[in-house]
C-alpha atoms as a PDB file:
ATOM      1  CA  MET A   1      86.462  76.709 104.874  1.00  0.00           C
ATOM      2  CA  LYS A   2      83.178  76.378 103.090  1.00  0.00           C
ATOM      3  CA  THR A   3      82.540  75.484  99.504  1.00  0.00           C
ATOM      4  CA  LYS A   4      81.384  78.057  96.909  1.00  0.00           C
ATOM      5  CA  LYS A   5      77.933  76.392  96.853  1.00  0.00           C
ATOM      6  CA  GLN A   6      77.582  76.592 100.676  1.00  0.00           C
ATOM      7  CA  ILE A   7      78.674  80.178 100.679  1.00  0.00           C
ATOM      8  CA  ASN A   8      76.191  81.235  97.967  1.00  0.00           C
ATOM      9  CA  GLU A   9      73.343  79.378  99.552  1.00  0.00           C
ATOM     10  CA  GLU A  10      74.027  81.253 102.873  1.00  0.00           C
ATOM     11  CA  LEU A  11      74.295  84.524 100.946  1.00  0.00           C
ATOM     12  CA  MET A  12      70.771  84.057  99.545  1.00  0.00           C
ATOM     13  CA  VAL A  13      69.462  83.560 103.059  1.00  0.00           C
ATOM     14  CA  ILE A  14      71.080  86.937 104.043  1.00  0.00           C
ATOM     15  CA  HIS A  15      69.636  88.599 100.862  1.00  0.00           C
ATOM     16  CA  HIS A  16      66.154  87.479 101.826  1.00  0.00           C
ATOM     17  CA  LEU A  17      66.640  89.190 105.164  1.00  0.00           C
ATOM     18  CA  PHE A  18      67.991  92.368 103.538  1.00  0.00           C
ATOM     19  CA  PRO A  19      66.693  92.618  99.993  1.00  0.00           C
ATOM     20  CA  SER A  20      67.361  96.237  99.341  1.00  0.00           C
ATOM     21  CA  ASN A  21      69.966  97.100  96.752  1.00  0.00           C
ATOM     22  CA  GLN A  22      70.117 100.747  97.585  1.00  0.00           C
ATOM     23  CA  THR A  23      72.693 102.582  99.746  1.00  0.00           C
ATOM     24  CA  GLU A  24      71.318 104.349 102.802  1.00  0.00           C
ATOM     25  CA  LEU A  25      73.169 107.492 101.739  1.00  0.00           C
ATOM     26  CA  ILE A  26      70.652 110.086 100.702  1.00  0.00           C
ATOM     27  CA  ARG A  27      71.410 111.808  97.395  1.00  0.00           C
ATOM     28  CA  LYS A  28      69.735 112.971  94.145  1.00  0.00           C
ATOM     29  CA  THR A  29      72.494 113.328  91.592  1.00  0.00           C
ATOM     30  CA  PRO A  30      75.378 110.952  90.708  1.00  0.00           C
ATOM     31  CA  PHE A  31      77.875 113.563  91.890  1.00  0.00           C
ATOM     32  CA  GLN A  32      76.106 113.812  95.283  1.00  0.00           C
ATOM     33  CA  LEU A  33      76.462 110.015  95.667  1.00  0.00           C
ATOM     34  CA  LEU A  34      80.197 110.172  95.021  1.00  0.00           C
ATOM     35  CA  VAL A  35      80.622 112.978  97.540  1.00  0.00           C
ATOM     36  CA  ALA A  36      78.517 111.178 100.138  1.00  0.00           C
ATOM     37  CA  VAL A  37      80.497 107.921  99.776  1.00  0.00           C
ATOM     38  CA  ILE A  38      83.790 109.843 100.195  1.00  0.00           C
ATOM     39  CA  LEU A  39      82.375 111.520 103.249  1.00  0.00           C
ATOM     40  CA  SER A  40      81.369 108.179 104.672  1.00  0.00           C
ATOM     41  CA  ALA A  41      84.960 107.124 105.352  1.00  0.00           C
ATOM     42  CA  GLN A  42      85.291 106.707 109.061  1.00  0.00           C
ATOM     43  CA  SER A  43      81.830 108.140 109.536  1.00  0.00           C
ATOM     44  CA  THR A  44      78.362 106.485 109.676  1.00  0.00           C
ATOM     45  CA  ASP A  45      75.789 106.880 106.934  1.00  0.00           C
ATOM     46  CA  LYS A  46      73.570 108.550 109.578  1.00  0.00           C
ATOM     47  CA  GLN A  47      76.230 111.114 110.339  1.00  0.00           C
ATOM     48  CA  VAL A  48      76.847 111.752 106.558  1.00  0.00           C
ATOM     49  CA  ASN A  49      73.132 112.194 105.814  1.00  0.00           C
ATOM     50  CA  LYS A  50      72.869 114.766 108.666  1.00  0.00           C
ATOM     51  CA  VAL A  51      75.671 116.777 107.055  1.00  0.00           C
ATOM     52  CA  THR A  52      74.548 116.467 103.435  1.00  0.00           C
ATOM     53  CA  SER A  53      70.954 117.380 104.295  1.00  0.00           C
ATOM     54  CA  THR A  54      72.347 120.951 104.313  1.00  0.00           C
ATOM     55  CA  LEU A  55      75.343 120.593 102.039  1.00  0.00           C
ATOM     56  CA  PHE A  56      73.394 119.138  99.115  1.00  0.00           C
ATOM     57  CA  GLN A  57      71.044 122.118  99.108  1.00  0.00           C
ATOM     58  CA  HIS A  58      74.109 123.972  97.641  1.00  0.00           C
ATOM     59  CA  ILE A  59      75.900 121.329  95.604  1.00  0.00           C
ATOM     60  CA  SER A  60      74.581 118.971  92.902  1.00  0.00           C
ATOM     61  CA  TYR A  61      77.397 118.963  90.374  1.00  0.00           C
ATOM     62  CA  PRO A  62      81.212 119.385  90.418  1.00  0.00           C
ATOM     63  CA  GLN A  63      81.123 123.043  89.541  1.00  0.00           C
ATOM     64  CA  ASP A  64      79.072 123.742  92.566  1.00  0.00           C
ATOM     65  CA  ILE A  65      81.934 122.716  94.828  1.00  0.00           C
ATOM     66  CA  LEU A  66      84.218 125.181  93.098  1.00  0.00           C
ATOM     67  CA  ILE A  67      81.686 127.904  93.575  1.00  0.00           C
ATOM     68  CA  LEU A  68      81.279 126.967  97.270  1.00  0.00           C
ATOM     69  CA  GLY A  69      85.042 126.959  97.844  1.00  0.00           C
ATOM     70  CA  GLU A  70      87.220 124.601  99.843  1.00  0.00           C
ATOM     71  CA  ASN A  71      87.143 126.555 103.058  1.00  0.00           C
ATOM     72  CA  THR A  72      83.412 126.746 103.127  1.00  0.00           C
ATOM     73  CA  LEU A  73      83.165 123.074 102.359  1.00  0.00           C
ATOM     74  CA  LYS A  74      85.414 122.438 105.393  1.00  0.00           C
ATOM     75  CA  GLU A  75      82.985 124.206 107.666  1.00  0.00           C
ATOM     76  CA  GLN A  76      80.024 122.392 106.158  1.00  0.00           C
ATOM     77  CA  ILE A  77      81.492 118.992 106.854  1.00  0.00           C
ATOM     78  CA  ARG A  78      83.349 119.824 110.122  1.00  0.00           C
ATOM     79  CA  SER A  79      81.419 117.355 112.214  1.00  0.00           C
ATOM     80  CA  LEU A  80      82.789 114.463 110.209  1.00  0.00           C
ATOM     81  CA  GLY A  81      86.052 112.642 110.762  1.00  0.00           C
ATOM     82  CA  LEU A  82      89.002 113.707 108.546  1.00  0.00           C
ATOM     83  CA  TYR A  83      86.987 116.624 107.390  1.00  0.00           C
ATOM     84  CA  ILE A  84      90.021 118.763 106.329  1.00  0.00           C
ATOM     85  CA  THR A  85      91.412 116.002 104.154  1.00  0.00           C
ATOM     86  CA  LYS A  86      88.032 115.108 102.767  1.00  0.00           C
ATOM     87  CA  ALA A  87      87.249 118.733 101.847  1.00  0.00           C
ATOM     88  CA  HIS A  88      90.603 119.157 100.045  1.00  0.00           C
ATOM     89  CA  ASN A  89      90.187 115.916  98.105  1.00  0.00           C
ATOM     90  CA  ILE A  90      86.465 116.552  97.201  1.00  0.00           C
ATOM     91  CA  TYR A  91      87.562 119.982  95.866  1.00  0.00           C
ATOM     92  CA  LYS A  92      90.466 118.396  93.924  1.00  0.00           C
ATOM     93  CA  MET A  93      88.176 115.620  92.522  1.00  0.00           C
ATOM     94  CA  SER A  94      85.654 118.226  91.355  1.00  0.00           C
ATOM     95  CA  TRP A  95      88.378 119.833  89.248  1.00  0.00           C
ATOM     96  CA  GLN A  96      89.284 116.401  87.840  1.00  0.00           C
ATOM     97  CA  LEU A  97      85.705 115.643  86.782  1.00  0.00           C
ATOM     98  CA  LEU A  98      85.500 119.036  85.007  1.00  0.00           C
ATOM     99  CA  SER A  99      88.703 118.332  83.065  1.00  0.00           C
ATOM    100  CA  GLU A 100      88.965 117.216  79.423  1.00  0.00           C
ATOM    101  CA  LYS A 101      89.678 113.648  80.573  1.00  0.00           C
ATOM    102  CA  TYR A 102      86.338 113.115  82.448  1.00  0.00           C
ATOM    103  CA  LYS A 103      84.101 115.845  80.856  1.00  0.00           C
ATOM    104  CA  TRP A 104      81.762 115.963  83.863  1.00  0.00           C
ATOM    105  CA  VAL A 105      81.098 112.285  83.649  1.00  0.00           C
ATOM    106  CA  ILE A 106      81.707 110.000  86.634  1.00  0.00           C
ATOM    107  CA  PRO A 107      83.500 106.986  85.073  1.00  0.00           C
ATOM    108  CA  ARG A 108      82.157 103.446  85.159  1.00  0.00           C
ATOM    109  CA  ARG A 109      85.444 101.539  85.278  1.00  0.00           C
ATOM    110  CA  ILE A 110      87.145 100.935  88.594  1.00  0.00           C
ATOM    111  CA  GLU A 111      90.488 101.763  87.132  1.00  0.00           C
ATOM    112  CA  GLU A 112      89.336 105.297  86.151  1.00  0.00           C
ATOM    113  CA  LEU A 113      87.319 105.840  89.278  1.00  0.00           C
ATOM    114  CA  THR A 114      90.350 105.194  91.569  1.00  0.00           C
ATOM    115  CA  GLN A 115      92.280 107.825  89.717  1.00  0.00           C
ATOM    116  CA  LEU A 116      90.052 110.506  91.250  1.00  0.00           C
ATOM    117  CA  ALA A 117      91.152 112.063  94.549  1.00  0.00           C
ATOM    118  CA  TRP A 118      90.312 110.090  97.644  1.00  0.00           C
ATOM    119  CA  VAL A 119      88.508 107.333  95.687  1.00  0.00           C
ATOM    120  CA  GLY A 120      89.814 103.905  96.740  1.00  0.00           C
ATOM    121  CA  ILE A 121      88.712 100.455  95.697  1.00  0.00           C
ATOM    122  CA  LYS A 122      85.842 100.319  98.219  1.00  0.00           C
ATOM    123  CA  THR A 123      84.483 103.751  97.208  1.00  0.00           C
ATOM    124  CA  ALA A 124      84.821 102.905  93.574  1.00  0.00           C
ATOM    125  CA  LYS A 125      82.952  99.682  93.925  1.00  0.00           C
ATOM    126  CA  VAL A 126      80.078 101.381  95.758  1.00  0.00           C
ATOM    127  CA  VAL A 127      79.760 104.080  93.153  1.00  0.00           C
ATOM    128  CA  ALA A 128      80.002 101.713  90.148  1.00  0.00           C
ATOM    129  CA  HIS A 129      77.412  99.413  91.832  1.00  0.00           C
ATOM    130  CA  GLN A 130      74.906 102.210  92.635  1.00  0.00           C
ATOM    131  CA  LEU A 131      75.278 104.332  89.417  1.00  0.00           C
ATOM    132  CA  TYR A 132      75.892 101.572  86.799  1.00  0.00           C
ATOM    133  CA  GLY A 133      74.589  98.386  88.336  1.00  0.00           C
ATOM    134  CA  GLU A 134      77.998  96.795  88.197  1.00  0.00           C
ATOM    135  CA  PRO A 135      78.269  93.483  90.140  1.00  0.00           C
ATOM    136  CA  TYR A 136      80.962  94.596  92.658  1.00  0.00           C
ATOM    137  CA  ILE A 137      81.010  93.778  96.365  1.00  0.00           C
ATOM    138  CA  ALA A 138      82.435  96.534  98.507  1.00  0.00           C
ATOM    139  CA  VAL A 139      83.989  95.110 101.618  1.00  0.00           C
ATOM    140  CA  ASP A 140      83.861  97.277 104.700  1.00  0.00           C
ATOM    141  CA  THR A 141      84.368  96.314 108.243  1.00  0.00           C
ATOM    142  CA  HIS A 142      80.797  94.943 108.508  1.00  0.00           C
ATOM    143  CA  VAL A 143      81.208  92.606 105.460  1.00  0.00           C
ATOM    144  CA  HIS A 144      84.673  91.552 106.654  1.00  0.00           C
ATOM    145  CA  ARG A 145      83.209  90.635 110.032  1.00  0.00           C
ATOM    146  CA  VAL A 146      80.354  88.570 108.514  1.00  0.00           C
ATOM    147  CA  CYS A 147      82.665  86.709 106.214  1.00  0.00           C
ATOM    148  CA  GLN A 148      84.930  85.792 109.171  1.00  0.00           C
ATOM    149  CA  ARG A 149      82.124  84.718 111.503  1.00  0.00           C
ATOM    150  CA  LEU A 150      80.455  82.558 108.848  1.00  0.00           C
ATOM    151  CA  TRP A 151      83.890  81.066 107.964  1.00  0.00           C
ATOM    152  CA  TRP A 152      83.643  82.161 104.296  1.00  0.00           C
ATOM    153  CA  VAL A 153      87.216  83.413 104.300  1.00  0.00           C
ATOM    154  CA  LYS A 154      90.093  83.644 106.721  1.00  0.00           C
ATOM    155  CA  SER A 155      91.787  87.021 106.403  1.00  0.00           C
ATOM    156  CA  LYS A 156      93.128  89.699 108.618  1.00  0.00           C
ATOM    157  CA  ALA A 157      91.825  92.826 106.881  1.00  0.00           C
ATOM    158  CA  PRO A 158      88.898  94.005 104.626  1.00  0.00           C
ATOM    159  CA  GLU A 159      91.187  94.474 101.691  1.00  0.00           C
ATOM    160  CA  GLN A 160      92.157  90.808 101.829  1.00  0.00           C
ATOM    161  CA  THR A 161      88.578  89.686 102.196  1.00  0.00           C
ATOM    162  CA  SER A 162      87.597  91.809  99.211  1.00  0.00           C
ATOM    163  CA  LYS A 163      89.924  89.897  96.901  1.00  0.00           C
ATOM    164  CA  LEU A 164      88.738  86.536  98.200  1.00  0.00           C
ATOM    165  CA  ILE A 165      84.951  87.246  98.194  1.00  0.00           C
ATOM    166  CA  GLU A 166      84.980  88.370  94.603  1.00  0.00           C
ATOM    167  CA  TRP A 167      86.108  84.883  93.678  1.00  0.00           C
ATOM    168  CA  LEU A 168      83.732  83.013  96.072  1.00  0.00           C
ATOM    169  CA  ILE A 169      80.484  84.664  95.207  1.00  0.00           C
ATOM    170  CA  TYR A 170      78.778  83.608  91.917  1.00  0.00           C
ATOM    171  CA  ASP A 171      78.728  86.321  89.267  1.00  0.00           C
ATOM    172  CA  THR A 172      74.944  86.090  89.192  1.00  0.00           C
ATOM    173  CA  HIS A 173      74.775  86.858  92.973  1.00  0.00           C
ATOM    174  CA  LYS A 174      77.379  89.640  93.236  1.00  0.00           C
ATOM    175  CA  TYR A 175      74.978  92.467  92.598  1.00  0.00           C
ATOM    176  CA  LEU A 176      72.649  91.138  95.263  1.00  0.00           C
ATOM    177  CA  ALA A 177      75.461  90.527  97.729  1.00  0.00           C
ATOM    178  CA  HIS A 178      76.719  94.094  97.865  1.00  0.00           C
ATOM    179  CA  HIS A 179      74.137  95.667 100.150  1.00  0.00           C
ATOM    180  CA  ALA A 180      72.754  92.441 101.656  1.00  0.00           C
ATOM    181  CA  LEU A 181      76.094  91.798 103.344  1.00  0.00           C
ATOM    182  CA  ILE A 182      76.605  95.419 104.449  1.00  0.00           C
ATOM    183  CA  LEU A 183      73.134  95.622 106.025  1.00  0.00           C
ATOM    184  CA  PHE A 184      73.377  92.203 107.533  1.00  0.00           C
ATOM    185  CA  GLY A 185      76.609  93.219 109.211  1.00  0.00           C
ATOM    186  CA  ARG A 186      75.387  96.596 110.252  1.00  0.00           C
ATOM    187  CA  TYR A 187      71.991  95.650 111.740  1.00  0.00           C
ATOM    188  CA  HIS A 188      71.997  91.865 112.406  1.00  0.00           C
ATOM    189  CA  CYS A 189      75.513  90.399 112.690  1.00  0.00           C
ATOM    190  CA  LYS A 190      76.722  93.489 114.653  1.00  0.00           C
ATOM    191  CA  ALA A 191      80.138  93.844 116.226  1.00  0.00           C
ATOM    192  CA  ARG A 192      78.490  94.116 119.612  1.00  0.00           C
ATOM    193  CA  ASN A 193      75.286  92.360 120.639  1.00  0.00           C
ATOM    194  CA  PRO A 194      74.693  90.429 117.402  1.00  0.00           C
ATOM    195  CA  LEU A 195      71.272  88.980 116.926  1.00  0.00           C
ATOM    196  CA  CYS A 196      72.516  85.355 117.091  1.00  0.00           C
ATOM    197  CA  GLU A 197      69.474  83.945 118.862  1.00  0.00           C
ATOM    198  CA  VAL A 198      67.143  84.847 115.969  1.00  0.00           C
ATOM    199  CA  CYS A 199      69.607  84.304 113.127  1.00  0.00           C
ATOM    200  CA  PRO A 200      68.671  81.791 110.448  1.00  0.00           C
ATOM    201  CA  LEU A 201      72.380  81.007 109.914  1.00  0.00           C
ATOM    202  CA  GLN A 202      73.057  79.875 113.495  1.00  0.00           C
ATOM    203  CA  LYS A 203      74.127  76.413 112.628  1.00  0.00           C
ATOM    204  CA  HIS A 204      76.470  77.688 109.937  1.00  0.00           C
ATOM    205  CA  CYS A 205      78.187  80.296 112.104  1.00  0.00           C
ATOM    206  CA  THR A 206      81.569  79.674 113.823  1.00  0.00           C
ATOM    207  CA  TYR A 207      81.002  82.738 116.061  1.00  0.00           C
ATOM    208  CA  PHE A 208      77.662  81.420 117.394  1.00  0.00           C
ATOM    209  CA  GLY A 209      79.198  78.033 118.011  1.00  0.00           C
ATOM    210  CA  LYS A 210      81.889  79.565 120.163  1.00  0.00           C
ATOM    211  CA  MET A 211      79.355  81.641 122.069  1.00  0.00           C
ATOM    212  CA  ARG A 212      77.222  78.639 123.150  1.00  0.00           C
END
């Protein structure tokens, strides 16, 4: 495995390739962001943006979901995977946010975010990063793949990688790492046909070494 110093040096190369710190999910309000991230489970950002381009004309805040109704919400998001479960939990989550405990405010702390329906660690980290600038790294399949190929960690699942990478990345780099790693895995270090031949990290990559 590589040292922390090596990993963070390679991370900065990735950050220079993909410097944006904004999610590709299109939204205007914090609640729309939370809904979009929930909808993105087992769906691409492109698919979610297509659905929310219509949905977000009707919902901006938790109370709008209650007015819309769970059945109508199901129809609106029908083209996405797990749409029935997602609709049910978004409806439930909207009630939670309107309760005395949350008072319409999307919480900042991971512990509180994960108490909302359908909000797991990865979703909570994305929301905290985008809404509050918290230095979390959400590990999806793209980030997991990058970390394995560059030999930053050796793990079998994104959940394991998530725990390891939080320790390996310097605190000063965590905010930058979040989207840099996601976008690098999504558009450069792809699962199929990765852009190895033009990658500045060729000599540091175990995957490229095996492919030669």
